[in-house]
Amino acid sequence: MKPVEIYTTPICGFCSAAKRLLDGKGVDYREIDVMRDREKKQEMMQRAGRHTVPQIFIDGQHVGGCDELYELERAGKLDPMLTA
């Protein structure tokens, strides 16, 4: 399985929903809490070009936030991205 990184905060419902989808698929991911670490938030904004959480990367490729993750799932494209 390809590496997954997800930038989150502990109070974000969209972050929880994205993690729930990944957990349901048995995906291991590296969670990066940007609420407690300003440098990590800056890193996220540089990588994603966005300031909202979650921001999700699969194998270093930015796939977007929670809505985009669920759209990939609905379109049947998430599993191939995780394993291809």
Protein backbone atom coordinates (compact mmCIF):
# COMPACT_ATOMS: atom_id res chain seq x y z
CA MET A 1 0.00 0.00 0.00
CA LYS A 2 1.27 3.46 -0.87
CA PRO A 3 2.11 5.88 1.95
CA VAL A 4 -0.68 8.22 3.01
CA GLU A 5 -0.28 11.48 4.92
CA ILE A 6 -3.17 13.48 6.33
CA TYR A 7 -2.86 16.93 7.86
CA THR A 8 -5.51 17.35 10.57
CA THR A 9 -6.63 19.09 13.73
CA PRO A 10 -8.29 17.27 16.64
CA ILE A 11 -11.47 19.40 16.44
CA CYS A 12 -12.17 18.90 12.71
CA GLY A 13 -15.20 16.82 11.77
CA PHE A 14 -14.06 16.54 8.15
CA CYS A 15 -10.71 15.18 9.39
CA SER A 16 -12.54 12.55 11.42
CA ALA A 17 -14.67 11.57 8.41
CA ALA A 18 -11.60 11.24 6.16
CA LYS A 19 -9.79 9.13 8.76
CA ARG A 20 -12.91 6.97 9.22
CA LEU A 21 -12.92 6.18 5.48
CA LEU A 22 -9.22 5.33 5.49
CA ASP A 23 -9.56 3.28 8.71
CA GLY A 24 -12.47 1.37 7.17
CA LYS A 25 -10.21 0.38 4.30
CA GLY A 26 -7.42 -0.68 6.65
CA VAL A 27 -5.13 2.08 5.36
CA ASP A 28 -2.18 3.02 7.54
CA TYR A 29 -1.54 6.74 7.42
CA ARG A 30 0.69 9.32 9.00
CA GLU A 31 -1.42 11.93 10.77
CA ILE A 32 0.11 15.38 11.11
CA ASP A 33 -1.59 17.64 13.67
CA VAL A 34 -1.26 21.23 12.45
CA MET A 35 -3.11 22.74 15.43
CA ARG A 36 -0.18 22.22 17.78
CA ASP A 37 2.65 22.83 15.33
CA ARG A 38 2.73 26.07 13.30
CA GLU A 39 5.65 24.79 11.22
CA LYS A 40 3.59 21.79 10.11
CA LYS A 41 0.72 24.10 9.14
CA GLN A 42 3.14 26.14 7.01
CA GLU A 43 4.44 22.91 5.48
CA MET A 44 0.87 21.84 4.66
CA MET A 45 0.06 25.18 3.04
CA GLN A 46 3.20 25.04 0.92
CA ARG A 47 2.54 21.47 -0.20
CA ALA A 48 -1.22 21.74 -0.74
CA GLY A 49 -1.67 25.41 -1.51
CA ARG A 50 -4.58 25.39 0.94
CA HIS A 51 -5.02 26.39 4.56
CA THR A 52 -7.97 24.16 5.53
CA VAL A 53 -7.82 20.66 6.96
CA PRO A 54 -7.76 17.86 6.18
CA GLN A 55 -5.24 17.86 3.38
CA ILE A 56 -4.49 14.36 2.13
CA PHE A 57 -1.51 13.05 0.19
CA ILE A 58 -1.19 9.59 -1.33
CA ASP A 59 2.36 8.62 -2.29
CA GLY A 60 3.30 12.29 -2.12
CA GLN A 61 0.51 13.36 -4.48
CA HIS A 62 -2.01 15.86 -3.13
CA VAL A 63 -5.53 14.48 -3.53
CA GLY A 64 -7.35 17.27 -1.67
CA GLY A 65 -9.54 17.25 1.40
CA CYS A 66 -12.35 15.11 2.74
CA ASP A 67 -14.78 15.84 -0.10
CA GLU A 68 -12.21 14.94 -2.74
CA LEU A 69 -11.28 11.74 -0.88
CA TYR A 70 -14.93 10.62 -0.79
CA GLU A 71 -15.36 11.56 -4.45
CA LEU A 72 -12.39 9.34 -5.35
CA GLU A 73 -14.04 6.54 -3.37
CA ARG A 74 -17.43 7.01 -5.11
CA ALA A 75 -15.73 7.03 -8.51
CA GLY A 76 -13.87 3.80 -7.72
CA LYS A 77 -10.50 5.55 -8.04
CA LEU A 78 -9.31 5.49 -4.42
CA ASP A 79 -8.37 1.82 -4.14
CA PRO A 80 -6.24 1.89 -7.32
CA MET A 81 -4.47 5.04 -6.07
CA LEU A 82 -3.67 3.32 -2.79
CA THR A 83 -2.33 0.13 -4.33
CA ALA A 84 -1.14 0.86 -7.89
